[in-house]
């Protein structure tokens, strides 16, 4: 199952993130949810002292920050590359 933070849903509703980009990310997360294979896309584990393991998924200029818990995907932030790493934590 894929869960999106409420801030992401608000950004989508306001149009801050292009609809095509949201489609690309959603299809990618659907594929990950089916296969549970993180090697399908450009995904890397984020370094840092976090309470859980966060990952980033790259699609063009945009990045999605997410974590996994009990075979579910929780998307925390979606944004442009230059702003995503400073904004989500």
Protein backbone atom coordinates (compact mmCIF):
# COMPACT_ATOMS: atom_id res chain seq x y z
CA UNK A 1 0.00 0.00 0.00
CA UNK A 2 1.17 3.54 -0.72
CA UNK A 3 0.51 6.39 1.68
CA UNK A 4 1.14 10.07 0.93
CA UNK A 5 1.66 12.72 3.62
CA UNK A 6 -1.06 15.36 3.81
CA UNK A 7 1.45 18.06 2.76
CA UNK A 8 2.00 16.21 -0.53
CA UNK A 9 -1.74 15.94 -1.11
CA UNK A 10 -2.09 19.70 -0.50
CA UNK A 11 0.76 20.45 -2.93
CA UNK A 12 -0.95 18.32 -5.56
CA UNK A 13 -4.26 20.08 -5.00
CA UNK A 14 -2.62 23.52 -5.29
CA UNK A 15 -0.74 22.50 -8.42
CA UNK A 16 2.74 23.02 -6.95
CA UNK A 17 3.89 19.72 -8.44
CA UNK A 18 3.13 19.00 -12.12
CA UNK A 19 0.46 16.35 -12.67
CA UNK A 20 2.70 14.39 -15.02
CA UNK A 21 5.38 14.19 -12.33
CA UNK A 22 2.86 12.92 -9.79
CA UNK A 23 1.76 10.26 -12.29
CA UNK A 24 5.36 9.12 -12.80
CA UNK A 25 5.97 8.83 -9.07
CA UNK A 26 2.67 7.08 -8.41
CA UNK A 27 3.32 4.50 -11.15
CA UNK A 28 6.81 3.93 -9.78
CA UNK A 29 5.49 3.39 -6.26
CA UNK A 30 2.81 1.03 -7.60
CA UNK A 31 5.54 -1.02 -9.28
CA UNK A 32 7.58 -1.03 -6.08
CA UNK A 33 4.53 -2.08 -4.10
CA UNK A 34 3.96 -5.04 -6.41
CA UNK A 35 7.54 -6.25 -6.69
CA UNK A 36 9.19 -4.97 -3.45
CA UNK A 37 12.36 -4.61 -5.56
CA UNK A 38 14.19 -1.34 -4.88
CA UNK A 39 16.54 -1.98 -7.81
CA UNK A 40 13.84 -1.20 -10.38
CA UNK A 41 14.41 2.56 -10.21
CA UNK A 42 17.07 5.06 -9.19
CA UNK A 43 16.62 4.65 -5.44
CA UNK A 44 19.23 5.36 -2.81
CA UNK A 45 19.21 5.16 0.97
CA UNK A 46 19.68 8.54 2.61
CA UNK A 47 22.60 8.96 4.97
CA UNK A 48 22.05 10.50 8.38
CA UNK A 49 20.97 9.71 11.89
CA UNK A 50 17.26 9.16 11.40
CA UNK A 51 14.87 7.04 13.44
CA UNK A 52 14.11 4.96 10.35
CA UNK A 53 15.68 4.29 6.96
CA UNK A 54 14.66 6.91 4.41
CA UNK A 55 15.10 6.48 0.68
CA UNK A 56 14.93 8.81 -2.27
CA UNK A 57 13.43 8.04 -5.65
CA UNK A 58 14.64 10.16 -8.56
CA UNK A 59 12.46 11.07 -11.53
CA UNK A 60 14.02 13.82 -13.65
CA UNK A 61 14.35 17.06 -11.69
CA UNK A 62 12.13 15.79 -8.88
CA UNK A 63 12.82 13.59 -5.87
CA UNK A 64 10.49 11.65 -3.60
CA UNK A 65 11.56 10.89 -0.04
CA UNK A 66 9.94 7.79 1.43
CA UNK A 67 10.31 5.00 3.95
CA UNK A 68 9.01 1.47 4.15
CA UNK A 69 7.23 -0.15 7.04
CA UNK A 70 5.66 -3.61 7.00
CA UNK A 71 5.64 -3.78 3.16
CA UNK A 72 3.92 -0.37 2.92
CA UNK A 73 5.42 2.74 1.35
CA UNK A 74 5.08 6.09 3.11
CA UNK A 75 5.92 9.04 0.87
CA UNK A 76 7.05 11.94 3.01
CA UNK A 77 8.02 14.60 0.48
CA UNK A 78 8.06 15.25 -3.26
CA UNK A 79 9.87 18.26 -4.63
CA UNK A 80 12.55 19.62 -6.92
CA UNK A 81 16.09 18.37 -6.47
CA UNK A 82 17.50 21.64 -5.17
CA UNK A 83 14.91 22.03 -2.41
CA UNK A 84 13.94 18.53 -1.37
CA UNK A 85 16.80 17.69 0.98
CA UNK A 86 16.45 20.88 3.03
CA UNK A 87 12.67 20.90 3.25
CA UNK A 88 11.43 17.49 4.25
CA UNK A 89 13.10 16.80 7.61
